[in-house]
Amino acid sequence: MTLDEMKPGTLCVMVDLHTAGPLGQRLMDLGFCPGANIEVVRNAPLVDPVVLHLDGYNVSIRHDEARYVEVERQ
């Protein structure tokens, strides 16, 4: 399951990142590493962003970026 499919209030753990290059590096710099705990705070259905609580801080990413983050529900 990918991060953009999660509903607000869902807790999950990151499993894998399916992108490389500058986007992959940017997501890793933001804290998207395997094993990271993620809570979906807000997931706008039609317009960006996806607001997440990631290991103690909030981060916003675009839906097209969230598609590359594979997660598993807790």
PDB file of N, CA and C in Angstrom:
ATOM      1  N   MET A   1       0.857  -1.165   0.000  1.00  0.00           N
ATOM      2  CA  MET A   1       0.000   0.000   0.000  1.00  0.00           C
ATOM      3  C   MET A   1       0.906   1.231   0.000  1.00  0.00           C
ATOM      4  N   THR A   2       0.488   2.293  -0.671  1.00  0.00           N
ATOM      5  CA  THR A   2       1.309   3.496  -0.712  1.00  0.00           C
ATOM      6  C   THR A   2       0.721   4.587   0.179  1.00  0.00           C
ATOM      7  N   LEU A   3       1.551   5.549   0.507  1.00  0.00           N
ATOM      8  CA  LEU A   3       1.187   6.576   1.470  1.00  0.00           C
ATOM      9  C   LEU A   3       0.029   7.452   0.995  1.00  0.00           C
ATOM     10  N   ASP A   4      -0.097   7.678  -0.300  1.00  0.00           N
ATOM     11  CA  ASP A   4      -1.186   8.528  -0.796  1.00  0.00           C
ATOM     12  C   ASP A   4      -2.554   7.857  -0.673  1.00  0.00           C
ATOM     13  N   GLU A   5      -2.610   6.540  -0.420  1.00  0.00           N
ATOM     14  CA  GLU A   5      -3.875   5.815  -0.267  1.00  0.00           C
ATOM     15  C   GLU A   5      -4.387   5.823   1.171  1.00  0.00           C
ATOM     16  N   MET A   6      -3.580   6.267   2.108  1.00  0.00           N
ATOM     17  CA  MET A   6      -3.947   6.255   3.527  1.00  0.00           C
ATOM     18  C   MET A   6      -4.916   7.382   3.865  1.00  0.00           C
ATOM     19  N   LYS A   7      -5.812   7.107   4.793  1.00  0.00           N
ATOM     20  CA  LYS A   7      -6.799   8.080   5.261  1.00  0.00           C
ATOM     21  C   LYS A   7      -6.265   8.826   6.483  1.00  0.00           C
ATOM     22  N   PRO A   8      -6.759  10.041   6.736  1.00  0.00           N
ATOM     23  CA  PRO A   8      -6.326  10.786   7.926  1.00  0.00           C
ATOM     24  C   PRO A   8      -6.571   9.989   9.211  1.00  0.00           C
ATOM     25  N   GLY A   9      -5.615  10.061  10.122  1.00  0.00           N
ATOM     26  CA  GLY A   9      -5.696   9.340  11.383  1.00  0.00           C
ATOM     27  C   GLY A   9      -5.055   7.963  11.344  1.00  0.00           C
ATOM     28  N   THR A  10      -4.644   7.516  10.174  1.00  0.00           N
ATOM     29  CA  THR A  10      -4.035   6.200  10.027  1.00  0.00           C
ATOM     30  C   THR A  10      -2.581   6.224  10.490  1.00  0.00           C
ATOM     31  N   LEU A  11      -2.199   5.218  11.260  1.00  0.00           N
ATOM     32  CA  LEU A  11      -0.813   5.043  11.670  1.00  0.00           C
ATOM     33  C   LEU A  11      -0.195   3.961  10.810  1.00  0.00           C
ATOM     34  N   CYS A  12       1.033   4.193  10.338  1.00  0.00           N
ATOM     35  CA  CYS A  12       1.698   3.209   9.499  1.00  0.00           C
ATOM     36  C   CYS A  12       3.204   3.297   9.693  1.00  0.00           C
ATOM     37  N   VAL A  13       3.895   2.299   9.146  1.00  0.00           N
ATOM     38  CA  VAL A  13       5.347   2.236   9.187  1.00  0.00           C
ATOM     39  C   VAL A  13       5.840   2.167   7.753  1.00  0.00           C
ATOM     40  N   MET A  14       6.855   2.944   7.443  1.00  0.00           N
ATOM     41  CA  MET A  14       7.404   2.934   6.089  1.00  0.00           C
ATOM     42  C   MET A  14       8.154   1.628   5.848  1.00  0.00           C
ATOM     43  N   VAL A  15       7.899   1.027   4.670  1.00  0.00           N
ATOM     44  CA  VAL A  15       8.518  -0.234   4.306  1.00  0.00           C
ATOM     45  C   VAL A  15       9.617  -0.013   3.270  1.00  0.00           C
ATOM     46  N   ASP A  16       9.326   0.788   2.220  1.00  0.00           N
ATOM     47  CA  ASP A  16      10.279   0.965   1.134  1.00  0.00           C
ATOM     48  C   ASP A  16      10.003   2.269   0.410  1.00  0.00           C
ATOM     49  N   LEU A  17      11.005   2.740  -0.304  1.00  0.00           N
ATOM     50  CA  LEU A  17      10.908   3.954  -1.113  1.00  0.00           C
ATOM     51  C   LEU A  17      11.173   3.546  -2.552  1.00  0.00           C
ATOM     52  N   HIS A  18      10.206   3.785  -3.440  1.00  0.00           N
ATOM     53  CA  HIS A  18      10.293   3.317  -4.821  1.00  0.00           C
ATOM     54  C   HIS A  18      10.668   4.429  -5.790  1.00  0.00           C
ATOM     55  N   THR A  19      11.691   5.192  -5.480  1.00  0.00           N
ATOM     56  CA  THR A  19      12.201   6.207  -6.384  1.00  0.00           C
ATOM     57  C   THR A  19      13.663   6.438  -6.052  1.00  0.00           C
ATOM     58  N   ALA A  20      14.364   7.010  -7.001  1.00  0.00           N
ATOM     59  CA  ALA A  20      15.788   7.297  -6.808  1.00  0.00           C
ATOM     60  C   ALA A  20      16.058   8.717  -7.302  1.00  0.00           C
ATOM     61  N   GLY A  21      17.301   9.064  -7.385  1.00  0.00           N
ATOM     62  CA  GLY A  21      17.678  10.376  -7.886  1.00  0.00           C
ATOM     63  C   GLY A  21      17.353  11.473  -6.894  1.00  0.00           C
ATOM     64  N   PRO A  22      17.160  12.698  -7.391  1.00  0.00           N
ATOM     65  CA  PRO A  22      16.930  13.839  -6.501  1.00  0.00           C
ATOM     66  C   PRO A  22      15.677  13.708  -5.641  1.00  0.00           C
ATOM     67  N   LEU A  23      14.595  13.156  -6.199  1.00  0.00           N
ATOM     68  CA  LEU A  23      13.366  12.997  -5.416  1.00  0.00           C
ATOM     69  C   LEU A  23      13.567  11.992  -4.290  1.00  0.00           C
ATOM     70  N   GLY A  24      14.202  10.880  -4.581  1.00  0.00           N
ATOM     71  CA  GLY A  24      14.485   9.886  -3.547  1.00  0.00           C
ATOM     72  C   GLY A  24      15.362  10.457  -2.447  1.00  0.00           C
ATOM     73  N   GLN A  25      16.360  11.226  -2.824  1.00  0.00           N
ATOM     74  CA  GLN A  25      17.245  11.840  -1.839  1.00  0.00           C
ATOM     75  C   GLN A  25      16.497  12.864  -0.998  1.00  0.00           C
ATOM     76  N   ARG A  26      15.617  13.655  -1.630  1.00  0.00           N
ATOM     77  CA  ARG A  26      14.833  14.655  -0.898  1.00  0.00           C
ATOM     78  C   ARG A  26      13.940  13.994   0.140  1.00  0.00           C
ATOM     79  N   LEU A  27      13.253  12.915  -0.262  1.00  0.00           N
ATOM     80  CA  LEU A  27      12.377  12.215   0.675  1.00  0.00           C
ATOM     81  C   LEU A  27      13.165  11.597   1.820  1.00  0.00           C
ATOM     82  N   MET A  28      14.329  11.058   1.523  1.00  0.00           N
ATOM     83  CA  MET A  28      15.167  10.493   2.584  1.00  0.00           C
ATOM     84  C   MET A  28      15.662  11.595   3.517  1.00  0.00           C
ATOM     85  N   ASP A  29      15.995  12.757   2.979  1.00  0.00           N
ATOM     86  CA  ASP A  29      16.423  13.890   3.808  1.00  0.00           C
ATOM     87  C   ASP A  29      15.307  14.366   4.728  1.00  0.00           C
ATOM     88  N   LEU A  30      14.051  14.220   4.289  1.00  0.00           N
ATOM     89  CA  LEU A  30      12.910  14.604   5.112  1.00  0.00           C
ATOM     90  C   LEU A  30      12.619  13.579   6.204  1.00  0.00           C
ATOM     91  N   GLY A  31      13.247  12.402   6.138  1.00  0.00           N
ATOM     92  CA  GLY A  31      13.057  11.390   7.173  1.00  0.00           C
ATOM     93  C   GLY A  31      12.334  10.143   6.711  1.00  0.00           C
ATOM     94  N   PHE A  32      12.067  10.018   5.429  1.00  0.00           N
ATOM     95  CA  PHE A  32      11.390   8.839   4.901  1.00  0.00           C
ATOM     96  C   PHE A  32      12.394   7.713   4.706  1.00  0.00           C
ATOM     97  N   CYS A  33      12.605   6.963   5.768  1.00  0.00           N
ATOM     98  CA  CYS A  33      13.521   5.823   5.766  1.00  0.00           C
ATOM     99  C   CYS A  33      12.743   4.606   6.256  1.00  0.00           C
ATOM    100  N   PRO A  34      13.098   3.399   5.794  1.00  0.00           N
ATOM    101  CA  PRO A  34      12.395   2.205   6.267  1.00  0.00           C
ATOM    102  C   PRO A  34      12.370   2.135   7.786  1.00  0.00           C
ATOM    103  N   GLY A  35      11.187   1.842   8.317  1.00  0.00           N
ATOM    104  CA  GLY A  35      11.000   1.758   9.760  1.00  0.00           C
ATOM    105  C   GLY A  35      10.464   3.036  10.387  1.00  0.00           C
ATOM    106  N   ALA A  36      10.372   4.121   9.613  1.00  0.00           N
ATOM    107  CA  ALA A  36       9.870   5.395  10.139  1.00  0.00           C
ATOM    108  C   ALA A  36       8.381   5.274  10.453  1.00  0.00           C
ATOM    109  N   ASN A  37       7.977   5.799  11.611  1.00  0.00           N
ATOM    110  CA  ASN A  37       6.566   5.820  12.002  1.00  0.00           C
ATOM    111  C   ASN A  37       5.900   7.047  11.401  1.00  0.00           C
ATOM    112  N   ILE A  38       4.760   6.833  10.748  1.00  0.00           N
ATOM    113  CA  ILE A  38       4.063   7.907  10.047  1.00  0.00           C
ATOM    114  C   ILE A  38       2.596   7.904  10.452  1.00  0.00           C
ATOM    115  N   GLU A  39       2.051   9.091  10.731  1.00  0.00           N
ATOM    116  CA  GLU A  39       0.615   9.270  10.938  1.00  0.00           C
ATOM    117  C   GLU A  39       0.123  10.258   9.895  1.00  0.00           C
ATOM    118  N   VAL A  40      -0.938   9.900   9.189  1.00  0.00           N
ATOM    119  CA  VAL A  40      -1.518  10.797   8.200  1.00  0.00           C
ATOM    120  C   VAL A  40      -2.401  11.790   8.936  1.00  0.00           C
ATOM    121  N   VAL A  41      -2.037  13.067   8.867  1.00  0.00           N
ATOM    122  CA  VAL A  41      -2.792  14.125   9.538  1.00  0.00           C
ATOM    123  C   VAL A  41      -3.894  14.632   8.626  1.00  0.00           C
ATOM    124  N   ARG A  42      -3.549  14.901   7.368  1.00  0.00           N
ATOM    125  CA  ARG A  42      -4.511  15.420   6.402  1.00  0.00           C
ATOM    126  C   ARG A  42      -4.130  14.914   5.027  1.00  0.00           C
ATOM    127  N   ASN A  43      -5.120  14.440   4.283  1.00  0.00           N
ATOM    128  CA  ASN A  43      -4.899  13.955   2.934  1.00  0.00           C
ATOM    129  C   ASN A  43      -5.945  14.589   2.036  1.00  0.00           C
ATOM    130  N   ALA A  44      -5.592  15.694   1.406  1.00  0.00           N
ATOM    131  CA  ALA A  44      -6.535  16.389   0.538  1.00  0.00           C
ATOM    132  C   ALA A  44      -6.900  15.482  -0.638  1.00  0.00           C
ATOM    133  N   PRO A  45      -8.180  15.276  -0.913  1.00  0.00           N
ATOM    134  CA  PRO A  45      -8.587  14.310  -1.934  1.00  0.00           C
ATOM    135  C   PRO A  45      -8.276  14.731  -3.372  1.00  0.00           C
ATOM    136  N   LEU A  46      -8.337  16.008  -3.679  1.00  0.00           N
ATOM    137  CA  LEU A  46      -8.136  16.448  -5.057  1.00  0.00           C
ATOM    138  C   LEU A  46      -6.915  17.334  -5.241  1.00  0.00           C
ATOM    139  N   VAL A  47      -6.543  18.032  -4.214  1.00  0.00           N
ATOM    140  CA  VAL A  47      -5.457  19.001  -4.305  1.00  0.00           C
ATOM    141  C   VAL A  47      -4.403  18.653  -3.261  1.00  0.00           C
ATOM    142  N   ASP A  48      -3.150  18.947  -3.596  1.00  0.00           N
ATOM    143  CA  ASP A  48      -2.064  18.723  -2.638  1.00  0.00           C
ATOM    144  C   ASP A  48      -2.241  19.641  -1.453  1.00  0.00           C
ATOM    145  N   PRO A  49      -1.655  19.362  -0.334  1.00  0.00           N
ATOM    146  CA  PRO A  49      -0.642  18.376   0.016  1.00  0.00           C
ATOM    147  C   PRO A  49      -1.192  17.254   0.866  1.00  0.00           C
ATOM    148  N   VAL A  50      -0.307  16.322   1.177  1.00  0.00           N
ATOM    149  CA  VAL A  50      -0.549  15.296   2.179  1.00  0.00           C
ATOM    150  C   VAL A  50       0.252  15.736   3.398  1.00  0.00           C
ATOM    151  N   VAL A  51      -0.413  15.950   4.527  1.00  0.00           N
ATOM    152  CA  VAL A  51       0.265  16.385   5.747  1.00  0.00           C
ATOM    153  C   VAL A  51       0.473  15.164   6.633  1.00  0.00           C
ATOM    154  N   LEU A  52       1.715  14.969   7.065  1.00  0.00           N
ATOM    155  CA  LEU A  52       2.089  13.778   7.819  1.00  0.00           C
ATOM    156  C   LEU A  52       2.795  14.164   9.111  1.00  0.00           C
ATOM    157  N   HIS A  53       2.636  13.320  10.123  1.00  0.00           N
ATOM    158  CA  HIS A  53       3.419  13.434  11.356  1.00  0.00           C
ATOM    159  C   HIS A  53       4.434  12.309  11.274  1.00  0.00           C
ATOM    160  N   LEU A  54       5.680  12.678  11.054  1.00  0.00           N
ATOM    161  CA  LEU A  54       6.738  11.721  10.762  1.00  0.00           C
ATOM    162  C   LEU A  54       7.794  11.758  11.849  1.00  0.00           C
ATOM    163  N   ASP A  55       7.830  10.717  12.678  1.00  0.00           N
ATOM    164  CA  ASP A  55       8.838  10.590  13.743  1.00  0.00           C
ATOM    165  C   ASP A  55       9.007  11.869  14.562  1.00  0.00           C
ATOM    166  N   GLY A  56       7.899  12.472  14.972  1.00  0.00           N
ATOM    167  CA  GLY A  56       7.959  13.605  15.894  1.00  0.00           C
ATOM    168  C   GLY A  56       7.831  14.982  15.289  1.00  0.00           C
ATOM    169  N   TYR A  57       7.695  15.099  13.989  1.00  0.00           N
ATOM    170  CA  TYR A  57       7.504  16.421  13.380  1.00  0.00           C
ATOM    171  C   TYR A  57       6.546  16.312  12.198  1.00  0.00           C
ATOM    172  N   ASN A  58       5.994  17.444  11.779  1.00  0.00           N
ATOM    173  CA  ASN A  58       5.053  17.459  10.662  1.00  0.00           C
ATOM    174  C   ASN A  58       5.783  17.791   9.367  1.00  0.00           C
ATOM    175  N   VAL A  59       5.369  17.133   8.308  1.00  0.00           N
ATOM    176  CA  VAL A  59       5.936  17.360   6.981  1.00  0.00           C
ATOM    177  C   VAL A  59       4.801  17.273   5.959  1.00  0.00           C
ATOM    178  N   SER A  60       4.876  18.099   4.920  1.00  0.00           N
ATOM    179  CA  SER A  60       3.888  18.084   3.840  1.00  0.00           C
ATOM    180  C   SER A  60       4.579  17.703   2.545  1.00  0.00           C
ATOM    181  N   ILE A  61       3.960  16.768   1.815  1.00  0.00           N
ATOM    182  CA  ILE A  61       4.488  16.382   0.507  1.00  0.00           C
ATOM    183  C   ILE A  61       3.325  16.322  -0.481  1.00  0.00           C
ATOM    184  N   ARG A  62       3.655  16.277  -1.751  1.00  0.00           N
ATOM    185  CA  ARG A  62       2.636  16.192  -2.798  1.00  0.00           C
ATOM    186  C   ARG A  62       2.134  14.750  -2.934  1.00  0.00           C
ATOM    187  N   HIS A  63       0.923  14.614  -3.496  1.00  0.00           N
ATOM    188  CA  HIS A  63       0.364  13.275  -3.725  1.00  0.00           C
ATOM    189  C   HIS A  63       1.265  12.452  -4.633  1.00  0.00           C
ATOM    190  N   ASP A  64       1.811  13.068  -5.687  1.00  0.00           N
ATOM    191  CA  ASP A  64       2.664  12.303  -6.601  1.00  0.00           C
ATOM    192  C   ASP A  64       3.948  11.846  -5.928  1.00  0.00           C
ATOM    193  N   GLU A  65       4.406  12.535  -4.895  1.00  0.00           N
ATOM    194  CA  GLU A  65       5.568  12.092  -4.130  1.00  0.00           C
ATOM    195  C   GLU A  65       5.178  10.978  -3.155  1.00  0.00           C
ATOM    196  N   ALA A  66       3.984  11.073  -2.575  1.00  0.00           N
ATOM    197  CA  ALA A  66       3.513  10.071  -1.613  1.00  0.00           C
ATOM    198  C   ALA A  66       3.294   8.710  -2.272  1.00  0.00           C
ATOM    199  N   ARG A  67       3.103   8.691  -3.572  1.00  0.00           N
ATOM    200  CA  ARG A  67       2.903   7.423  -4.294  1.00  0.00           C
ATOM    201  C   ARG A  67       4.141   6.536  -4.278  1.00  0.00           C
ATOM    202  N   TYR A  68       5.306   7.124  -4.051  1.00  0.00           N
ATOM    203  CA  TYR A  68       6.558   6.373  -4.053  1.00  0.00           C
ATOM    204  C   TYR A  68       6.898   5.763  -2.700  1.00  0.00           C
ATOM    205  N   VAL A  69       6.112   6.097  -1.664  1.00  0.00           N
ATOM    206  CA  VAL A  69       6.406   5.630  -0.307  1.00  0.00           C
ATOM    207  C   VAL A  69       5.502   4.449   0.012  1.00  0.00           C
ATOM    208  N   GLU A  70       6.084   3.255   0.106  1.00  0.00           N
ATOM    209  CA  GLU A  70       5.333   2.052   0.457  1.00  0.00           C
ATOM    210  C   GLU A  70       5.267   1.949   1.969  1.00  0.00           C
ATOM    211  N   VAL A  71       4.056   1.727   2.489  1.00  0.00           N
ATOM    212  CA  VAL A  71       3.849   1.655   3.928  1.00  0.00           C
ATOM    213  C   VAL A  71       3.047   0.421   4.307  1.00  0.00           C
ATOM    214  N   GLU A  72       3.055   0.134   5.610  1.00  0.00           N
ATOM    215  CA  GLU A  72       2.294  -0.984   6.168  1.00  0.00           C
ATOM    216  C   GLU A  72       1.545  -0.441   7.381  1.00  0.00           C
ATOM    217  N   ARG A  73       0.251  -0.720   7.466  1.00  0.00           N
ATOM    218  CA  ARG A  73      -0.550  -0.260   8.609  1.00  0.00           C
ATOM    219  C   ARG A  73      -0.076  -0.875   9.910  1.00  0.00           C
ATOM    220  N   GLN A  74      -0.219  -0.124  10.987  1.00  0.00           N
ATOM    221  CA  GLN A  74       0.134  -0.638  12.314  1.00  0.00           C
ATOM    222  C   GLN A  74      -1.080  -1.223  12.970  1.00  0.00           C
TER     223      GLN A  74
END
